[in-house]
Protein backbone atom coordinates (compact mmCIF):
# COMPACT_ATOMS: atom_id res chain seq x y z
CA UNK A 1 -27.49 -18.17 -16.01
CA UNK A 2 -29.53 -16.93 -13.07
CA UNK A 3 -30.55 -13.29 -12.83
CA UNK A 4 -28.25 -12.75 -9.84
CA UNK A 5 -25.28 -14.18 -11.77
CA UNK A 6 -25.72 -12.07 -14.89
CA UNK A 7 -22.80 -9.77 -13.99
CA UNK A 8 -20.33 -12.58 -13.25
CA UNK A 9 -17.35 -12.23 -15.57
CA UNK A 10 -14.38 -14.61 -15.60
CA UNK A 11 -12.10 -13.99 -18.56
CA UNK A 12 -9.51 -11.22 -18.03
CA UNK A 13 -6.85 -12.73 -15.78
CA UNK A 14 -4.86 -9.56 -15.12
CA UNK A 15 -8.03 -7.67 -14.22
CA UNK A 16 -9.10 -10.43 -11.84
CA UNK A 17 -5.70 -10.34 -10.16
CA UNK A 18 -6.17 -6.64 -9.45
CA UNK A 19 -9.63 -7.26 -8.03
CA UNK A 20 -9.32 -10.54 -6.11
CA UNK A 21 -6.16 -12.44 -7.02
CA UNK A 22 -3.88 -10.30 -4.88
CA UNK A 23 -5.95 -11.17 -1.80
CA UNK A 24 -6.39 -14.87 -2.59
CA UNK A 25 -2.59 -15.09 -2.79
CA UNK A 26 -2.47 -14.13 0.88
CA UNK A 27 -5.00 -16.79 1.87
CA UNK A 28 -3.49 -19.67 -0.16
CA UNK A 29 -0.32 -20.22 1.95
CA UNK A 30 -2.33 -20.20 5.18
CA UNK A 31 -4.72 -22.76 3.71
CA UNK A 32 -1.89 -25.05 2.63
CA UNK A 33 -0.17 -24.86 6.02
CA UNK A 34 -3.45 -25.89 7.64
CA UNK A 35 -4.15 -28.63 5.08
CA UNK A 36 -0.78 -30.24 5.91
CA UNK A 37 -0.65 -32.47 2.83
CA UNK A 38 2.16 -35.00 2.27
CA UNK A 39 5.11 -34.04 0.07
CA UNK A 40 6.01 -35.67 -3.24
CA UNK A 41 2.46 -36.50 -4.33
CA UNK A 42 0.12 -35.70 -7.24
CA UNK A 43 -2.14 -32.64 -6.84
CA UNK A 44 -5.26 -31.41 -8.62
CA UNK A 45 -6.24 -27.73 -8.41
CA UNK A 46 -9.93 -27.40 -9.35
CA UNK A 47 -10.88 -23.97 -10.64
CA UNK A 48 -7.29 -22.82 -10.58
CA UNK A 49 -8.08 -19.34 -11.88
CA UNK A 50 -5.03 -17.14 -12.31
CA UNK A 51 -2.84 -19.61 -10.44
CA UNK A 52 -2.64 -18.29 -6.88
CA UNK A 53 -3.12 -21.67 -5.21
CA UNK A 54 -1.08 -23.63 -7.79
CA UNK A 55 1.85 -21.26 -7.29
CA UNK A 56 1.62 -21.67 -3.52
CA UNK A 57 1.55 -25.47 -3.88
CA UNK A 58 4.76 -25.39 -5.92
CA UNK A 59 6.42 -22.98 -3.48
CA UNK A 60 5.45 -24.72 -0.23
CA UNK A 61 4.42 -28.35 -0.75
CA UNK A 62 7.08 -30.07 -2.91
CA UNK A 63 4.52 -31.70 -5.21
CA UNK A 64 5.32 -34.50 -7.62
CA UNK A 65 2.83 -32.98 -10.08
CA UNK A 66 0.06 -30.37 -10.20
CA UNK A 67 -2.84 -30.54 -12.66
CA UNK A 68 -4.54 -27.12 -12.70
CA UNK A 69 -8.03 -27.04 -14.24
CA UNK A 70 -10.17 -23.99 -15.04
CA UNK A 71 -13.01 -23.21 -17.48
CA UNK A 72 -11.57 -19.79 -18.41
CA UNK A 73 -8.97 -19.69 -21.17
CA UNK A 74 -8.05 -16.14 -20.17
CA UNK A 75 -7.36 -17.15 -16.58
CA UNK A 76 -5.30 -20.15 -17.69
CA UNK A 77 -3.19 -17.97 -19.98
CA UNK A 78 -2.47 -15.59 -17.11
CA UNK A 79 -1.58 -18.48 -14.79
CA UNK A 80 0.73 -20.09 -17.35
CA UNK A 81 2.51 -16.80 -17.91
CA UNK A 82 3.15 -16.40 -14.19
CA UNK A 83 4.00 -19.99 -13.26
CA UNK A 84 6.63 -21.85 -15.27
CA UNK A 85 7.34 -25.20 -13.66
CA UNK A 86 7.62 -28.55 -15.43
CA UNK A 87 5.59 -30.21 -12.67
CA UNK A 88 2.53 -28.05 -13.41
CA UNK A 89 0.09 -28.76 -16.24
CA UNK A 90 -2.78 -26.38 -17.05
CA UNK A 91 -5.91 -27.75 -18.67
CA UNK A 92 -9.28 -26.33 -19.71
CA UNK A 93 -12.06 -28.07 -17.81
CA UNK A 94 -15.21 -28.02 -15.70
CA UNK A 95 -15.37 -28.86 -11.97
CA UNK A 96 -18.52 -30.89 -12.67
CA UNK A 97 -16.72 -33.12 -15.22
CA UNK A 98 -13.05 -33.15 -14.32
CA UNK A 99 -10.69 -34.07 -17.17
CA UNK A 100 -8.73 -36.50 -15.02
CA UNK A 101 -8.70 -40.27 -14.67
CA UNK A 102 -10.39 -42.00 -11.75
CA UNK A 103 -8.06 -42.65 -8.81
CA UNK A 104 -5.23 -40.59 -10.27
CA UNK A 105 -4.39 -37.94 -7.65
CA UNK A 106 -3.49 -37.76 -3.97
CA UNK A 107 -4.57 -34.22 -3.05
CA UNK A 108 -7.48 -32.29 -4.58
CA UNK A 109 -7.89 -28.62 -3.69
CA UNK A 110 -10.11 -25.75 -4.75
CA UNK A 111 -9.84 -22.06 -3.88
CA UNK A 112 -12.76 -19.62 -3.87
CA UNK A 113 -14.62 -21.62 -6.53
CA UNK A 114 -17.12 -24.10 -5.10
CA UNK A 115 -19.86 -21.51 -4.45
CA UNK A 116 -19.87 -20.55 -8.15
CA UNK A 117 -20.30 -24.15 -9.37
CA UNK A 118 -23.95 -24.82 -10.32
CA UNK A 119 -23.93 -28.41 -8.97
CA UNK A 120 -21.63 -28.43 -5.95
CA UNK A 121 -22.45 -32.01 -4.97
CA UNK A 122 -21.50 -33.16 -8.48
CA UNK A 123 -18.21 -31.27 -8.25
CA UNK A 124 -17.37 -32.89 -4.93
CA UNK A 125 -18.37 -36.25 -6.39
CA UNK A 126 -15.91 -35.66 -9.22
CA UNK A 127 -13.17 -34.85 -6.71
CA UNK A 128 -13.98 -38.08 -4.94
CA UNK A 129 -13.84 -39.98 -8.25
CA UNK A 130 -10.38 -38.77 -9.25
CA UNK A 131 -8.90 -39.19 -5.78
CA UNK A 132 -6.95 -42.28 -4.83
CA UNK A 133 -8.10 -44.16 -1.69
CA UNK A 134 -7.27 -41.95 1.28
CA UNK A 135 -6.81 -38.88 -0.93
CA UNK A 136 -7.04 -35.52 0.80
CA UNK A 137 -9.63 -33.00 -0.40
CA UNK A 138 -9.55 -29.39 0.74
CA UNK A 139 -11.29 -26.23 -0.36
CA UNK A 140 -12.08 -22.75 0.88
CA UNK A 141 -14.70 -20.12 0.07
CA UNK A 142 -15.17 -16.58 1.30
CA UNK A 143 -17.36 -16.08 4.36
CA UNK A 144 -20.03 -14.25 2.39
CA UNK A 145 -22.87 -14.72 4.93
CA UNK A 146 -20.68 -13.26 7.68
CA UNK A 147 -19.60 -10.28 5.59
CA UNK A 148 -16.12 -11.73 5.42
CA UNK A 149 -15.02 -9.77 2.33
CA UNK A 150 -15.24 -6.31 3.78
CA UNK A 151 -14.25 -4.41 0.64
CA UNK A 152 -16.99 -6.15 -1.39
CA UNK A 153 -19.54 -5.67 1.38
CA UNK A 154 -18.77 -1.94 1.42
CA UNK A 155 -19.24 -1.78 -2.36
CA UNK A 156 -22.67 -3.44 -2.28
CA UNK A 157 -23.85 -1.38 0.69
CA UNK A 158 -23.12 1.80 -1.21
CA UNK A 159 -24.76 0.39 -4.37
CA UNK A 160 -27.90 -0.55 -2.43
CA UNK A 161 -28.21 2.96 -1.05
CA UNK A 162 -28.46 4.16 -4.64
CA UNK A 163 -30.62 1.29 -5.93
CA UNK A 164 -32.40 -1.11 -3.56
CA UNK A 165 -32.91 -3.67 -6.37
CA UNK A 166 -29.19 -4.46 -6.15
CA UNK A 167 -29.76 -6.34 -2.88
CA UNK A 168 -30.26 -9.71 -4.60
CA UNK A 169 -26.89 -9.38 -6.37
CA UNK A 170 -24.95 -9.44 -3.11
CA UNK A 171 -22.87 -12.57 -2.57
CA UNK A 172 -24.34 -12.92 0.93
CA UNK A 173 -27.75 -13.42 -0.70
CA UNK A 174 -26.46 -15.61 -3.52
CA UNK A 175 -24.27 -17.88 -1.38
CA UNK A 176 -25.91 -18.23 2.06
CA UNK A 177 -24.53 -21.79 2.35
CA UNK A 178 -20.91 -20.59 2.80
CA UNK A 179 -20.96 -21.47 6.50
CA UNK A 180 -19.13 -24.26 8.36
CA UNK A 181 -22.29 -26.26 9.05
CA UNK A 182 -23.63 -26.15 5.51
CA UNK A 183 -20.27 -26.75 3.86
CA UNK A 184 -19.47 -29.78 6.01
CA UNK A 185 -22.98 -31.14 5.44
CA UNK A 186 -22.44 -30.77 1.69
CA UNK A 187 -19.15 -32.68 1.91
CA UNK A 188 -20.75 -35.51 3.90
CA UNK A 189 -23.62 -35.68 1.41
CA UNK A 190 -21.07 -36.20 -1.36
CA UNK A 191 -19.79 -39.34 0.41
CA UNK A 192 -16.59 -37.89 1.86
CA UNK A 193 -15.24 -38.06 5.40
CA UNK A 194 -14.97 -34.59 6.95
CA UNK A 195 -11.70 -34.18 8.84
CA UNK A 196 -11.76 -30.54 9.93
CA UNK A 197 -12.78 -26.98 9.11
CA UNK A 198 -11.08 -23.68 9.85
CA UNK A 199 -11.41 -19.91 9.57
CA UNK A 200 -8.66 -18.17 7.59
CA UNK A 201 -8.26 -14.39 7.61
CA UNK A 202 -6.00 -11.88 5.88
CA UNK A 203 -5.79 -8.06 5.74
CA UNK A 204 -6.83 -6.24 2.57
CA UNK A 205 -4.98 -2.94 2.63
CA UNK A 206 -5.54 -0.41 -0.15
CA UNK A 207 -2.96 2.35 -0.56
CA UNK A 208 -5.65 4.94 -1.29
CA UNK A 209 -9.18 5.23 -2.65
CA UNK A 210 -8.04 4.82 -6.27
CA UNK A 211 -6.38 1.53 -5.34
CA UNK A 212 -9.74 0.41 -3.93
CA UNK A 213 -11.96 1.72 -6.74
CA UNK A 214 -9.96 0.98 -9.88
CA UNK A 215 -10.35 -2.86 -9.77
CA UNK A 216 -14.14 -2.44 -9.76
CA UNK A 217 -13.84 -0.68 -13.13
CA UNK A 218 -12.10 -3.65 -14.79
CA UNK A 219 -15.20 -5.84 -15.04
CA UNK A 220 -13.68 -9.09 -13.71
CA UNK A 221 -15.98 -10.63 -11.11
CA UNK A 222 -19.61 -10.08 -9.99
CA UNK A 223 -19.26 -6.64 -8.37
CA UNK A 224 -16.97 -5.25 -11.11
CA UNK A 225 -19.30 -6.70 -13.74
CA UNK A 226 -22.21 -4.84 -12.14
CA UNK A 227 -20.14 -1.67 -11.80
CA UNK A 228 -19.31 -1.58 -15.49
CA UNK A 229 -22.93 -2.30 -16.46
CA UNK A 230 -23.95 1.06 -14.96
CA UNK A 231 -24.39 4.22 -16.97
CA UNK A 232 -21.44 6.60 -16.44
CA UNK A 233 -23.40 9.06 -14.29
CA UNK A 234 -24.72 6.28 -12.03
CA UNK A 235 -21.24 4.78 -11.74
CA UNK A 236 -19.87 8.17 -10.74
CA UNK A 237 -22.52 8.50 -8.00
CA UNK A 238 -21.48 5.09 -6.70
CA UNK A 239 -17.82 6.13 -6.73
CA UNK A 240 -18.61 9.29 -4.77
CA UNK A 241 -20.73 7.38 -2.24
CA UNK A 242 -17.86 4.98 -1.57
CA UNK A 243 -15.34 7.81 -1.36
CA UNK A 244 -17.50 9.42 1.31
CA UNK A 245 -18.12 6.31 3.42
CA UNK A 246 -15.00 4.12 3.36
CA UNK A 247 -12.81 4.33 6.50
CA UNK A 248 -9.44 6.00 5.93
CA UNK A 249 -6.21 6.00 7.87
CA UNK A 250 -4.25 9.24 8.37
CA UNK A 251 -2.15 8.46 5.28
CA UNK A 252 -5.27 7.88 3.16
CA UNK A 253 -4.97 4.10 3.10
CA UNK A 254 -7.99 1.85 3.60
CA UNK A 255 -7.57 -1.12 5.97
CA UNK A 256 -10.12 -3.92 5.69
CA UNK A 257 -10.13 -7.72 6.12
CA UNK A 258 -10.98 -10.84 4.15
CA UNK A 259 -12.18 -14.04 5.84
CA UNK A 260 -12.66 -17.52 4.37
CA UNK A 261 -13.97 -20.88 5.56
CA UNK A 262 -11.85 -23.92 4.74
CA UNK A 263 -12.93 -27.58 4.84
CA UNK A 264 -10.72 -30.67 4.83
CA UNK A 265 -12.04 -34.11 3.86
CA UNK A 266 -10.82 -37.53 2.78
CA UNK A 267 -11.73 -40.11 0.15
CA UNK A 268 -12.73 -43.35 1.82
């Protein structure tokens, strides 16, 4: 594990849903509408997490089957508890060594995962391997370099004001390749045909400051992992800094946005 990744934590599914899952559920339907996959085919969801994308596939795309793969047992348990459909199978697995037969699926998708995979080219190569000829591959990642996750950017900005050494933990530093040019170049390098890319955006509205702050105290994800590594007095200073600087509406709510880049490719 790299030094910058030492606070990454992916085990507590319910905690992750409070932190990020509720926002990824807003992005997933937009992504699927844009992907425009055929109905009645076999799907593979790589890094399925707590099931946001798998649930959207079942709800919108009339799949024949969905194989949902994730390396976190906790996330898979949460997803299975929320999504009961005989067409969906959940399986423990790694994006770099997919537990699926070669040429066995028609659509391979991945949501908010590829940037966390150590060998991204290998993961895309695995997607290519398991796809049938002409299979559709689509994925999306947050626009970290462009500050696309405004609530996370606000968190790190406040943290940096209290400790400049935190700068290297920011996702914008860790994942500078999450841009259209670099993502499409990565896909081409993996031997896939790039069909299109798109920007997908959704609002992230917090009812009040507690609604914003509480998910950071659950430890699920890089920023929450860092937050809970702090001594209580330092964490309280961070909480106060955010309470002072976040923009508020008249009713106390906090209105921010989340933006992702999506890429569509095809197995040749």
